[in-house]
Amino acid sequence: MIDKKIIIKNIPYAISGVSVKGLGPKKSGKVRDWFVKDNLRILVATDRISAFDRVLGHIPFRGAVLTKLSQFWFEKTRDIVQNHMIGVIDPNIMLVSECQTLPVEIVVRGYITGVTDTSLWKNYSDGKRLIYGIKFPDGLVKNQKLKKPVITPTTRETGAGGHDEPITAKEIIKQKIVGANIYKQIEKVAVQLFERGSQIAQRGGFILADTKYEFGLDRLGKLMLIDEIHTPDSSRFWLKSTYSERFKKGEEVENYDKEVMRIWFKDKGYSGHGKPPQMSESIIVKVSQRYQEVYEKLTGQKFSIDLSTPPQKRVVESLTKLV
């Protein structure tokens, strides 16, 4: 794990975005920038961090963790479903296949938790019992394990200011957002991915509380896993060793994901409306090290990165080789 002092030193050099001549028009989502060349998508994971559907700041080395961890998981799940990864040419750059992106996000939840408008606990604590078309019983408490994992889709908004909205499986099929046969396949694959992710997370000392998957169709119309998988951005990881005791006491679980940042903003009175407070140095360091620790525990490998070149310069140099 990178030392606190080095993280602080690199705060001004966090990768906010990249531009390279010769790769064609750049497109951007909340976290990633990408270019398309010869049916190849060049995916750049920046250090931007988002929550409440907004970019809220930059976390040094976060983009590298996302890329390296997604690479690990894509390799571990190819037997379940094909994915878009071709290769990684830089800690922040993944080369992926172009495909027809499906306009839904599939969230698999094994626990009832969360503070955002699309989370189960937020809706449940507001008094709702029919959520995402699923009936939940009375008496559930925050962070409780569900009898079985549930699938809660949302619309997929790719722009930096886009808002994902809850939607049910029936609505997806009825509105022909995704065909019935493909959607059934998506649900089956999502459960298998979640089971695989949970098994590996357990070995690393974590509970995979919930996670998000995104899919597309390849040239032959076959299902393809895209974007990222089982990262601290797309998933909630809880420390397994302290979960039971903390849950019994009604305390917050020890989370190793973006939730620690969401809670920090909530405590500051921000939940996605108005001007967000500027992230403190301490929360930036905490989030950066949490991401790195998740990588190390899940993969069993030390997180390391070349610090001899400023991150932004290194990424631009790597992209320039593709022109």
C-alpha atoms as a PDB file:
ATOM      1  CA  MET A   1       0.000   0.000   0.000  1.00  0.00           C
ATOM      2  CA  ILE A   2       1.258   3.471  -0.845  1.00  0.00           C
ATOM      3  CA  ASP A   3       2.323   5.573   2.139  1.00  0.00           C
ATOM      4  CA  LYS A   4       0.079   8.384   3.400  1.00  0.00           C
ATOM      5  CA  LYS A   5       2.729  11.040   2.703  1.00  0.00           C
ATOM      6  CA  ILE A   6       3.060   9.947  -0.922  1.00  0.00           C
ATOM      7  CA  ILE A   7      -0.719  10.023  -1.380  1.00  0.00           C
ATOM      8  CA  ILE A   8      -0.868  13.580   0.001  1.00  0.00           C
ATOM      9  CA  LYS A   9       2.032  14.598  -2.245  1.00  0.00           C
ATOM     10  CA  ASN A  10       0.144  13.246  -5.262  1.00  0.00           C
ATOM     11  CA  ILE A  11      -3.201  14.949  -4.551  1.00  0.00           C
ATOM     12  CA  PRO A  12      -2.383  17.816  -6.973  1.00  0.00           C
ATOM     13  CA  TYR A  13      -1.366  15.260  -9.618  1.00  0.00           C
ATOM     14  CA  ALA A  14      -4.460  13.067  -9.490  1.00  0.00           C
ATOM     15  CA  ILE A  15      -5.726  12.257 -12.991  1.00  0.00           C
ATOM     16  CA  SER A  16      -8.688  14.529 -13.643  1.00  0.00           C
ATOM     17  CA  GLY A  17      -8.980  13.734 -17.355  1.00  0.00           C
ATOM     18  CA  VAL A  18      -6.888  13.192 -20.458  1.00  0.00           C
ATOM     19  CA  SER A  19      -6.746  14.572 -23.988  1.00  0.00           C
ATOM     20  CA  VAL A  20      -4.552  13.197 -26.775  1.00  0.00           C
ATOM     21  CA  LYS A  21      -4.511  14.332 -30.395  1.00  0.00           C
ATOM     22  CA  GLY A  22      -4.869  11.644 -33.006  1.00  0.00           C
ATOM     23  CA  LEU A  23      -7.161   9.283 -31.107  1.00  0.00           C
ATOM     24  CA  GLY A  24     -10.351  10.944 -32.249  1.00  0.00           C
ATOM     25  CA  PRO A  25     -13.079  12.543 -30.139  1.00  0.00           C
ATOM     26  CA  LYS A  26     -12.939  11.928 -26.415  1.00  0.00           C
ATOM     27  CA  LYS A  27     -16.042  10.884 -24.527  1.00  0.00           C
ATOM     28  CA  SER A  28     -16.431  10.946 -20.777  1.00  0.00           C
ATOM     29  CA  GLY A  29     -18.510   9.317 -18.070  1.00  0.00           C
ATOM     30  CA  LYS A  30     -18.419  10.071 -14.372  1.00  0.00           C
ATOM     31  CA  VAL A  31     -15.118   8.265 -13.884  1.00  0.00           C
ATOM     32  CA  ARG A  32     -13.742   7.153 -17.261  1.00  0.00           C
ATOM     33  CA  ASP A  33     -12.651   8.873 -20.448  1.00  0.00           C
ATOM     34  CA  TRP A  34     -12.549   6.857 -23.654  1.00  0.00           C
ATOM     35  CA  PHE A  35     -11.565   6.962 -27.277  1.00  0.00           C
ATOM     36  CA  VAL A  36     -12.651   4.653 -30.110  1.00  0.00           C
ATOM     37  CA  LYS A  37     -10.175   3.641 -32.796  1.00  0.00           C
ATOM     38  CA  ASP A  38     -10.523   0.794 -35.327  1.00  0.00           C
ATOM     39  CA  ASN A  39     -13.387  -0.834 -33.402  1.00  0.00           C
ATOM     40  CA  LEU A  40     -11.256  -0.703 -30.273  1.00  0.00           C
ATOM     41  CA  ARG A  41     -12.293   1.250 -27.213  1.00  0.00           C
ATOM     42  CA  ILE A  42      -9.460   2.792 -25.217  1.00  0.00           C
ATOM     43  CA  LEU A  43     -10.775   3.070 -21.678  1.00  0.00           C
ATOM     44  CA  VAL A  44      -8.991   5.451 -19.287  1.00  0.00           C
ATOM     45  CA  ALA A  45      -9.847   5.196 -15.579  1.00  0.00           C
ATOM     46  CA  THR A  46      -9.273   8.658 -14.140  1.00  0.00           C
ATOM     47  CA  ASP A  47      -8.998   9.501 -10.439  1.00  0.00           C
ATOM     48  CA  ARG A  48     -12.365  11.246 -10.468  1.00  0.00           C
ATOM     49  CA  ILE A  49     -14.700   9.908  -7.806  1.00  0.00           C
ATOM     50  CA  SER A  50     -18.458  10.156  -7.923  1.00  0.00           C
ATOM     51  CA  ALA A  51     -21.348   9.591  -5.557  1.00  0.00           C
ATOM     52  CA  PHE A  52     -24.985  10.684  -5.593  1.00  0.00           C
ATOM     53  CA  ASP A  53     -24.564  10.681  -9.410  1.00  0.00           C
ATOM     54  CA  ARG A  54     -22.048  13.527  -9.266  1.00  0.00           C
ATOM     55  CA  VAL A  55     -18.284  13.860  -9.535  1.00  0.00           C
ATOM     56  CA  LEU A  56     -17.191  15.032  -6.084  1.00  0.00           C
ATOM     57  CA  GLY A  57     -13.397  15.081  -6.220  1.00  0.00           C
ATOM     58  CA  HIS A  58     -10.229  13.199  -7.097  1.00  0.00           C
ATOM     59  CA  ILE A  59      -8.488  10.349  -5.252  1.00  0.00           C
ATOM     60  CA  PRO A  60      -4.836   9.619  -6.149  1.00  0.00           C
ATOM     61  CA  PHE A  61      -4.208   6.099  -7.522  1.00  0.00           C
ATOM     62  CA  ARG A  62      -7.909   5.237  -7.506  1.00  0.00           C
ATOM     63  CA  GLY A  63      -8.143   4.859 -11.265  1.00  0.00           C
ATOM     64  CA  ALA A  64      -5.209   2.449 -11.262  1.00  0.00           C
ATOM     65  CA  VAL A  65      -6.900   0.304  -8.616  1.00  0.00           C
ATOM     66  CA  LEU A  66     -10.087   0.183 -10.685  1.00  0.00           C
ATOM     67  CA  THR A  67      -8.222  -0.933 -13.810  1.00  0.00           C
ATOM     68  CA  LYS A  68      -5.974  -3.491 -12.132  1.00  0.00           C
ATOM     69  CA  LEU A  69      -8.792  -4.945 -10.054  1.00  0.00           C
ATOM     70  CA  SER A  70     -11.172  -5.159 -13.019  1.00  0.00           C
ATOM     71  CA  GLN A  71      -8.420  -6.971 -14.936  1.00  0.00           C
ATOM     72  CA  PHE A  72      -8.167  -9.491 -12.072  1.00  0.00           C
ATOM     73  CA  TRP A  73     -11.919 -10.119 -11.996  1.00  0.00           C
ATOM     74  CA  PHE A  74     -12.379 -10.281 -15.772  1.00  0.00           C
ATOM     75  CA  GLU A  75      -9.789 -13.040 -15.863  1.00  0.00           C
ATOM     76  CA  LYS A  76     -11.483 -14.857 -12.956  1.00  0.00           C
ATOM     77  CA  THR A  77     -14.970 -14.857 -14.531  1.00  0.00           C
ATOM     78  CA  ARG A  78     -14.424 -15.593 -18.239  1.00  0.00           C
ATOM     79  CA  ASP A  79     -15.837 -19.091 -17.712  1.00  0.00           C
ATOM     80  CA  ILE A  80     -19.182 -17.549 -16.667  1.00  0.00           C
ATOM     81  CA  VAL A  81     -19.572 -14.947 -19.412  1.00  0.00           C
ATOM     82  CA  GLN A  82     -17.334 -13.314 -22.002  1.00  0.00           C
ATOM     83  CA  ASN A  83     -16.131  -9.788 -21.230  1.00  0.00           C
ATOM     84  CA  HIS A  84     -14.856  -6.858 -23.239  1.00  0.00           C
ATOM     85  CA  MET A  85     -11.254  -6.779 -21.937  1.00  0.00           C
ATOM     86  CA  ILE A  86      -8.536  -7.227 -24.550  1.00  0.00           C
ATOM     87  CA  GLY A  87      -5.605  -6.093 -22.431  1.00  0.00           C
ATOM     88  CA  VAL A  88      -4.095  -3.465 -20.107  1.00  0.00           C
ATOM     89  CA  ILE A  89      -1.329  -1.215 -21.439  1.00  0.00           C
ATOM     90  CA  ASP A  90      -1.009   1.119 -18.447  1.00  0.00           C
ATOM     91  CA  PRO A  91      -2.236   0.981 -14.822  1.00  0.00           C
ATOM     92  CA  ASN A  92      -5.042   3.332 -15.874  1.00  0.00           C
ATOM     93  CA  ILE A  93      -5.691   2.146 -19.445  1.00  0.00           C
ATOM     94  CA  MET A  94      -7.624  -0.909 -20.574  1.00  0.00           C
ATOM     95  CA  LEU A  95      -8.187  -1.826 -24.210  1.00  0.00           C
ATOM     96  CA  VAL A  96     -11.660  -3.287 -24.730  1.00  0.00           C
ATOM     97  CA  SER A  97     -13.876  -4.496 -27.557  1.00  0.00           C
ATOM     98  CA  GLU A  98     -16.591  -2.226 -28.879  1.00  0.00           C
ATOM     99  CA  CYS A  99     -20.103  -3.589 -28.431  1.00  0.00           C
ATOM    100  CA  GLN A 100     -23.744  -2.561 -28.299  1.00  0.00           C
ATOM    101  CA  THR A 101     -24.196  -1.328 -24.735  1.00  0.00           C
ATOM    102  CA  LEU A 102     -27.423  -2.341 -23.008  1.00  0.00           C
ATOM    103  CA  PRO A 103     -29.125   0.639 -21.310  1.00  0.00           C
ATOM    104  CA  VAL A 104     -29.588  -0.950 -17.873  1.00  0.00           C
ATOM    105  CA  GLU A 105     -27.406  -1.561 -14.835  1.00  0.00           C
ATOM    106  CA  ILE A 106     -27.911  -4.769 -12.888  1.00  0.00           C
ATOM    107  CA  VAL A 107     -27.401  -4.500  -9.140  1.00  0.00           C
ATOM    108  CA  VAL A 108     -27.278  -7.715  -7.121  1.00  0.00           C
ATOM    109  CA  ARG A 109     -27.850  -7.198  -3.398  1.00  0.00           C
ATOM    110  CA  GLY A 110     -27.217  -9.743  -0.671  1.00  0.00           C
ATOM    111  CA  TYR A 111     -27.862  -7.293   2.175  1.00  0.00           C
ATOM    112  CA  ILE A 112     -30.220  -4.376   2.769  1.00  0.00           C
ATOM    113  CA  THR A 113     -28.111  -1.248   3.049  1.00  0.00           C
ATOM    114  CA  GLY A 114     -27.177   2.066   1.405  1.00  0.00           C
ATOM    115  CA  VAL A 115     -27.815   5.799   1.750  1.00  0.00           C
ATOM    116  CA  THR A 116     -28.485   6.846  -1.869  1.00  0.00           C
ATOM    117  CA  ASP A 117     -31.914   7.260  -3.461  1.00  0.00           C
ATOM    118  CA  THR A 118     -31.560   3.996  -5.399  1.00  0.00           C
ATOM    119  CA  SER A 119     -30.417   1.922  -2.393  1.00  0.00           C
ATOM    120  CA  LEU A 120     -32.629  -0.645  -0.672  1.00  0.00           C
ATOM    121  CA  TRP A 121     -32.198   0.715   2.846  1.00  0.00           C
ATOM    122  CA  LYS A 122     -32.955   4.320   1.881  1.00  0.00           C
ATOM    123  CA  ASN A 123     -36.218   3.252   0.234  1.00  0.00           C
ATOM    124  CA  TYR A 124     -37.074   0.781   2.995  1.00  0.00           C
ATOM    125  CA  SER A 125     -36.395   3.284   5.793  1.00  0.00           C
ATOM    126  CA  ASP A 126     -38.642   5.769   3.971  1.00  0.00           C
ATOM    127  CA  GLY A 127     -41.488   3.291   4.484  1.00  0.00           C
ATOM    128  CA  LYS A 128     -41.541   1.513   1.140  1.00  0.00           C
ATOM    129  CA  ARG A 129     -42.014  -2.259   1.137  1.00  0.00           C
ATOM    130  CA  LEU A 130     -42.427  -2.836  -2.604  1.00  0.00           C
ATOM    131  CA  ILE A 131     -39.039  -1.875  -4.011  1.00  0.00           C
ATOM    132  CA  TYR A 132     -37.893  -2.664  -7.565  1.00  0.00           C
ATOM    133  CA  GLY A 133     -41.022  -4.775  -7.858  1.00  0.00           C
ATOM    134  CA  ILE A 134     -39.865  -6.942  -4.924  1.00  0.00           C
ATOM    135  CA  LYS A 135     -41.924  -7.256  -1.728  1.00  0.00           C
ATOM    136  CA  PHE A 136     -39.880  -6.873   1.466  1.00  0.00           C
ATOM    137  CA  PRO A 137     -41.190  -7.854   4.926  1.00  0.00           C
ATOM    138  CA  ASP A 138     -41.483  -5.525   7.901  1.00  0.00           C
ATOM    139  CA  GLY A 139     -38.862  -5.627  10.622  1.00  0.00           C
ATOM    140  CA  LEU A 140     -35.675  -5.524   8.573  1.00  0.00           C
ATOM    141  CA  VAL A 141     -32.775  -3.459   9.903  1.00  0.00           C
ATOM    142  CA  LYS A 142     -29.900  -1.764   8.139  1.00  0.00           C
ATOM    143  CA  ASN A 143     -27.084  -4.045   6.941  1.00  0.00           C
ATOM    144  CA  GLN A 144     -29.139  -7.208   7.514  1.00  0.00           C
ATOM    145  CA  LYS A 145     -28.470 -10.182   5.264  1.00  0.00           C
ATOM    146  CA  LEU A 146     -31.363 -11.017   2.943  1.00  0.00           C
ATOM    147  CA  LYS A 147     -32.708 -14.574   2.701  1.00  0.00           C
ATOM    148  CA  LYS A 148     -31.339 -14.674  -0.832  1.00  0.00           C
ATOM    149  CA  PRO A 149     -29.719 -12.116  -3.127  1.00  0.00           C
ATOM    150  CA  VAL A 150     -32.108  -9.904  -5.093  1.00  0.00           C
ATOM    151  CA  ILE A 151     -31.647  -8.198  -8.459  1.00  0.00           C
ATOM    152  CA  THR A 152     -32.528  -4.508  -8.573  1.00  0.00           C
ATOM    153  CA  PRO A 153     -31.995  -2.916 -12.005  1.00  0.00           C
ATOM    154  CA  THR A 154     -31.606   0.759 -12.765  1.00  0.00           C
ATOM    155  CA  THR A 155     -31.470   2.730 -15.983  1.00  0.00           C
ATOM    156  CA  ARG A 156     -27.940   3.320 -17.237  1.00  0.00           C
ATOM    157  CA  GLU A 157     -26.900   6.960 -17.563  1.00  0.00           C
ATOM    158  CA  THR A 158     -23.355   7.416 -18.887  1.00  0.00           C
ATOM    159  CA  GLY A 159     -22.947  11.190 -18.821  1.00  0.00           C
ATOM    160  CA  ALA A 160     -21.190  13.066 -16.038  1.00  0.00           C
ATOM    161  CA  GLY A 161     -24.511  14.555 -14.911  1.00  0.00           C
ATOM    162  CA  GLY A 162     -26.739  11.567 -15.593  1.00  0.00           C
ATOM    163  CA  HIS A 163     -28.999  10.047 -12.943  1.00  0.00           C
ATOM    164  CA  ASP A 164     -29.679   6.322 -12.721  1.00  0.00           C
ATOM    165  CA  GLU A 165     -33.330   5.571 -12.001  1.00  0.00           C
ATOM    166  CA  PRO A 166     -34.856   2.430 -10.428  1.00  0.00           C
ATOM    167  CA  ILE A 167     -36.733   0.157 -12.808  1.00  0.00           C
ATOM    168  CA  THR A 168     -38.255  -3.322 -12.529  1.00  0.00           C
ATOM    169  CA  ALA A 169     -37.552  -6.397 -14.623  1.00  0.00           C
ATOM    170  CA  LYS A 170     -41.146  -6.313 -15.894  1.00  0.00           C
ATOM    171  CA  GLU A 171     -40.773  -2.695 -17.005  1.00  0.00           C
ATOM    172  CA  ILE A 172     -37.505  -3.456 -18.805  1.00  0.00           C
ATOM    173  CA  ILE A 173     -39.150  -6.234 -20.814  1.00  0.00           C
ATOM    174  CA  LYS A 174     -42.482  -4.439 -21.331  1.00  0.00           C
ATOM    175  CA  GLN A 175     -40.778  -1.274 -22.582  1.00  0.00           C
ATOM    176  CA  LYS A 176     -38.492  -3.416 -24.762  1.00  0.00           C
ATOM    177  CA  ILE A 177     -35.418  -1.826 -23.244  1.00  0.00           C
ATOM    178  CA  VAL A 178     -33.865  -5.302 -23.327  1.00  0.00           C
ATOM    179  CA  GLY A 179     -35.398  -8.382 -24.954  1.00  0.00           C
ATOM    180  CA  ALA A 180     -36.939 -10.965 -22.636  1.00  0.00           C
ATOM    181  CA  ASN A 181     -34.525 -13.751 -23.569  1.00  0.00           C
ATOM    182  CA  ILE A 182     -31.449 -11.569 -23.133  1.00  0.00           C
ATOM    183  CA  TYR A 183     -32.736 -10.190 -19.845  1.00  0.00           C
ATOM    184  CA  LYS A 184     -33.307 -13.707 -18.460  1.00  0.00           C
ATOM    185  CA  GLN A 185     -29.744 -14.547 -19.429  1.00  0.00           C
ATOM    186  CA  ILE A 186     -28.490 -11.363 -17.757  1.00  0.00           C
ATOM    187  CA  GLU A 187     -30.174 -12.271 -14.463  1.00  0.00           C
ATOM    188  CA  LYS A 188     -28.766 -15.813 -14.546  1.00  0.00           C
ATOM    189  CA  VAL A 189     -25.241 -14.586 -15.305  1.00  0.00           C
ATOM    190  CA  ALA A 190     -25.460 -11.803 -12.685  1.00  0.00           C
ATOM    191  CA  VAL A 191     -26.277 -14.321  -9.934  1.00  0.00           C
ATOM    192  CA  GLN A 192     -23.368 -16.536 -11.010  1.00  0.00           C
ATOM    193  CA  LEU A 193     -20.981 -13.569 -11.040  1.00  0.00           C
ATOM    194  CA  PHE A 194     -22.180 -12.515  -7.590  1.00  0.00           C
ATOM    195  CA  GLU A 195     -21.633 -16.036  -6.225  1.00  0.00           C
ATOM    196  CA  ARG A 196     -18.104 -16.146  -7.662  1.00  0.00           C
ATOM    197  CA  GLY A 197     -17.360 -12.666  -6.341  1.00  0.00           C
ATOM    198  CA  SER A 198     -18.680 -13.576  -2.883  1.00  0.00           C
ATOM    199  CA  GLN A 199     -16.498 -16.691  -2.712  1.00  0.00           C
ATOM    200  CA  ILE A 200     -13.296 -14.852  -3.614  1.00  0.00           C
ATOM    201  CA  ALA A 201     -14.197 -11.900  -1.377  1.00  0.00           C
ATOM    202  CA  GLN A 202     -14.699 -14.257   1.574  1.00  0.00           C
ATOM    203  CA  ARG A 203     -11.205 -15.650   1.056  1.00  0.00           C
ATOM    204  CA  GLY A 204      -9.888 -12.089   1.161  1.00  0.00           C
ATOM    205  CA  GLY A 205     -11.704 -11.389   4.424  1.00  0.00           C
ATOM    206  CA  PHE A 206     -14.632  -9.470   2.942  1.00  0.00           C
ATOM    207  CA  ILE A 207     -18.374  -9.761   2.542  1.00  0.00           C
ATOM    208  CA  LEU A 208     -19.584  -8.724  -0.905  1.00  0.00           C
ATOM    209  CA  ALA A 209     -22.755  -6.954   0.220  1.00  0.00           C
ATOM    210  CA  ASP A 210     -23.882  -5.833  -3.224  1.00  0.00           C
ATOM    211  CA  THR A 211     -22.484  -5.024  -6.633  1.00  0.00           C
ATOM    212  CA  LYS A 212     -23.316  -3.565 -10.037  1.00  0.00           C
ATOM    213  CA  TYR A 213     -22.873  -5.187 -13.453  1.00  0.00           C
ATOM    214  CA  GLU A 214     -23.126  -3.695 -16.923  1.00  0.00           C
ATOM    215  CA  PHE A 215     -23.589  -5.635 -20.140  1.00  0.00           C
ATOM    216  CA  GLY A 216     -23.510  -5.284 -23.893  1.00  0.00           C
ATOM    217  CA  LEU A 217     -23.943  -7.419 -26.985  1.00  0.00           C
ATOM    218  CA  ASP A 218     -21.048  -8.371 -29.252  1.00  0.00           C
ATOM    219  CA  ARG A 219     -21.181  -8.392 -33.069  1.00  0.00           C
ATOM    220  CA  LEU A 220     -22.973 -11.738 -33.020  1.00  0.00           C
ATOM    221  CA  GLY A 221     -25.543 -10.559 -30.488  1.00  0.00           C
ATOM    222  CA  LYS A 222     -24.024 -12.561 -27.635  1.00  0.00           C
ATOM    223  CA  LEU A 223     -23.991 -11.235 -24.081  1.00  0.00           C
ATOM    224  CA  MET A 224     -20.800  -9.511 -22.934  1.00  0.00           C
ATOM    225  CA  LEU A 225     -19.798  -8.171 -19.511  1.00  0.00           C
ATOM    226  CA  ILE A 226     -18.450  -4.609 -19.788  1.00  0.00           C
ATOM    227  CA  ASP A 227     -17.265  -1.583 -17.792  1.00  0.00           C
ATOM    228  CA  GLU A 228     -15.825  -2.893 -14.496  1.00  0.00           C
ATOM    229  CA  ILE A 229     -16.495  -5.704 -12.051  1.00  0.00           C
ATOM    230  CA  HIS A 230     -16.251  -6.128  -8.272  1.00  0.00           C
ATOM    231  CA  THR A 231     -14.350  -2.898  -7.609  1.00  0.00           C
ATOM    232  CA  PRO A 232     -14.829  -0.592  -4.603  1.00  0.00           C
ATOM    233  CA  ASP A 233     -16.695   1.691  -7.032  1.00  0.00           C
ATOM    234  CA  SER A 234     -19.205  -0.869  -8.222  1.00  0.00           C
ATOM    235  CA  SER A 235     -19.465  -2.939  -5.029  1.00  0.00           C
ATOM    236  CA  ARG A 236     -19.833  -2.750  -1.280  1.00  0.00           C
ATOM    237  CA  PHE A 237     -17.150  -4.710   0.549  1.00  0.00           C
ATOM    238  CA  TRP A 238     -17.509  -5.192   4.314  1.00  0.00           C
ATOM    239  CA  LEU A 239     -14.910  -6.528   6.702  1.00  0.00           C
ATOM    240  CA  LYS A 240     -16.026 -10.077   7.459  1.00  0.00           C
ATOM    241  CA  SER A 241     -14.308 -10.437  10.852  1.00  0.00           C
ATOM    242  CA  THR A 242     -16.223  -7.599  12.541  1.00  0.00           C
ATOM    243  CA  TYR A 243     -19.565  -7.741  10.712  1.00  0.00           C
ATOM    244  CA  SER A 244     -21.527  -9.964  13.133  1.00  0.00           C
ATOM    245  CA  GLU A 245     -20.521  -8.117  16.293  1.00  0.00           C
ATOM    246  CA  ARG A 246     -21.114  -4.678  14.816  1.00  0.00           C
ATOM    247  CA  PHE A 247     -24.450  -5.710  13.318  1.00  0.00           C
ATOM    248  CA  LYS A 248     -25.671  -7.093  16.668  1.00  0.00           C
ATOM    249  CA  LYS A 249     -24.735  -3.817  18.367  1.00  0.00           C
ATOM    250  CA  GLY A 250     -26.448  -1.752  15.682  1.00  0.00           C
ATOM    251  CA  GLU A 251     -23.147  -0.183  14.679  1.00  0.00           C
ATOM    252  CA  GLU A 252     -22.061   0.677  11.154  1.00  0.00           C
ATOM    253  CA  VAL A 253     -20.156  -2.090   9.428  1.00  0.00           C
ATOM    254  CA  GLU A 254     -16.522  -1.581   8.465  1.00  0.00           C
ATOM    255  CA  ASN A 255     -16.773  -0.831   4.774  1.00  0.00           C
ATOM    256  CA  TYR A 256     -13.910  -0.937   2.303  1.00  0.00           C
ATOM    257  CA  ASP A 257     -15.516   0.819  -0.622  1.00  0.00           C
ATOM    258  CA  LYS A 258     -16.986   4.153  -1.674  1.00  0.00           C
ATOM    259  CA  GLU A 259     -19.552   4.055   1.131  1.00  0.00           C
ATOM    260  CA  VAL A 260     -17.051   5.612   3.559  1.00  0.00           C
ATOM    261  CA  MET A 261     -17.008   8.667   1.278  1.00  0.00           C
ATOM    262  CA  ARG A 262     -20.804   8.731   0.887  1.00  0.00           C
ATOM    263  CA  ILE A 263     -21.182   8.689   4.676  1.00  0.00           C
ATOM    264  CA  TRP A 264     -18.595  11.497   5.010  1.00  0.00           C
ATOM    265  CA  PHE A 265     -20.625  13.695   2.643  1.00  0.00           C
ATOM    266  CA  LYS A 266     -23.889  12.766   4.398  1.00  0.00           C
ATOM    267  CA  ASP A 267     -22.372  13.797   7.733  1.00  0.00           C
ATOM    268  CA  LYS A 268     -21.473  17.141   6.138  1.00  0.00           C
ATOM    269  CA  GLY A 269     -25.134  17.596   5.160  1.00  0.00           C
ATOM    270  CA  TYR A 270     -24.678  16.810   1.484  1.00  0.00           C
ATOM    271  CA  SER A 271     -26.698  14.167  -0.354  1.00  0.00           C
ATOM    272  CA  GLY A 272     -26.431  15.231  -3.982  1.00  0.00           C
ATOM    273  CA  HIS A 273     -28.174  18.609  -3.966  1.00  0.00           C
ATOM    274  CA  GLY A 274     -26.500  21.984  -4.058  1.00  0.00           C
ATOM    275  CA  LYS A 275     -22.764  22.638  -3.888  1.00  0.00           C
ATOM    276  CA  PRO A 276     -20.782  19.751  -2.356  1.00  0.00           C
ATOM    277  CA  PRO A 277     -18.188  20.406   0.352  1.00  0.00           C
ATOM    278  CA  GLN A 278     -14.553  20.045  -0.645  1.00  0.00           C
ATOM    279  CA  MET A 279     -13.086  16.702   0.376  1.00  0.00           C
ATOM    280  CA  SER A 280     -10.597  16.943   3.228  1.00  0.00           C
ATOM    281  CA  GLU A 281      -7.040  15.653   2.979  1.00  0.00           C
ATOM    282  CA  SER A 282      -7.807  12.975   5.557  1.00  0.00           C
ATOM    283  CA  ILE A 283     -10.822  11.527   3.699  1.00  0.00           C
ATOM    284  CA  ILE A 284      -8.859  11.531   0.419  1.00  0.00           C
ATOM    285  CA  VAL A 285      -6.057   9.516   2.033  1.00  0.00           C
ATOM    286  CA  LYS A 286      -8.537   7.184   3.736  1.00  0.00           C
ATOM    287  CA  VAL A 287     -10.400   6.407   0.516  1.00  0.00           C
ATOM    288  CA  SER A 288      -7.180   5.933  -1.480  1.00  0.00           C
ATOM    289  CA  GLN A 289      -5.757   3.485   1.044  1.00  0.00           C
ATOM    290  CA  ARG A 290      -9.069   1.633   1.399  1.00  0.00           C
ATOM    291  CA  TYR A 291      -9.145   1.061  -2.359  1.00  0.00           C
ATOM    292  CA  GLN A 292      -5.568  -0.176  -2.358  1.00  0.00           C
ATOM    293  CA  GLU A 293      -6.210  -2.483   0.599  1.00  0.00           C
ATOM    294  CA  VAL A 294      -9.226  -4.032  -1.127  1.00  0.00           C
ATOM    295  CA  TYR A 295      -7.059  -4.728  -4.166  1.00  0.00           C
ATOM    296  CA  GLU A 296      -4.327  -6.355  -2.087  1.00  0.00           C
ATOM    297  CA  LYS A 297      -6.683  -8.532  -0.037  1.00  0.00           C
ATOM    298  CA  LEU A 298      -8.767  -9.694  -2.990  1.00  0.00           C
ATOM    299  CA  THR A 299      -5.885 -10.434  -5.349  1.00  0.00           C
ATOM    300  CA  GLY A 300      -3.225 -11.446  -2.845  1.00  0.00           C
ATOM    301  CA  GLN A 301      -0.850  -9.076  -4.651  1.00  0.00           C
ATOM    302  CA  LYS A 302       0.832  -5.910  -3.428  1.00  0.00           C
ATOM    303  CA  PHE A 303      -0.473  -2.736  -5.050  1.00  0.00           C
ATOM    304  CA  SER A 304       2.468  -1.029  -6.710  1.00  0.00           C
ATOM    305  CA  ILE A 305       2.793   1.644  -9.346  1.00  0.00           C
ATOM    306  CA  ASP A 306       5.633   3.560 -10.988  1.00  0.00           C
ATOM    307  CA  LEU A 307       6.019   6.832  -9.093  1.00  0.00           C
ATOM    308  CA  SER A 308       8.960   8.141 -11.139  1.00  0.00           C
ATOM    309  CA  THR A 309       6.643   9.890 -13.634  1.00  0.00           C
ATOM    310  CA  PRO A 310       3.624  12.065 -12.730  1.00  0.00           C
ATOM    311  CA  PRO A 311       0.470   9.965 -13.308  1.00  0.00           C
ATOM    312  CA  GLN A 312      -1.084  12.335 -15.848  1.00  0.00           C
ATOM    313  CA  LYS A 313       2.115  12.445 -17.905  1.00  0.00           C
ATOM    314  CA  ARG A 314       2.494   8.660 -17.789  1.00  0.00           C
ATOM    315  CA  VAL A 315      -1.056   8.096 -19.054  1.00  0.00           C
ATOM    316  CA  VAL A 316      -0.679  10.605 -21.883  1.00  0.00           C
ATOM    317  CA  GLU A 317       2.601   8.975 -22.946  1.00  0.00           C
ATOM    318  CA  SER A 318       0.916   5.550 -22.978  1.00  0.00           C
ATOM    319  CA  LEU A 319      -2.004   6.871 -25.055  1.00  0.00           C
ATOM    320  CA  THR A 320       0.323   8.628 -27.509  1.00  0.00           C
ATOM    321  CA  LYS A 321       1.834   5.250 -28.435  1.00  0.00           C
ATOM    322  CA  LEU A 322      -1.582   4.235 -29.779  1.00  0.00           C
ATOM    323  CA  VAL A 323      -1.877   7.175 -32.197  1.00  0.00           C
END
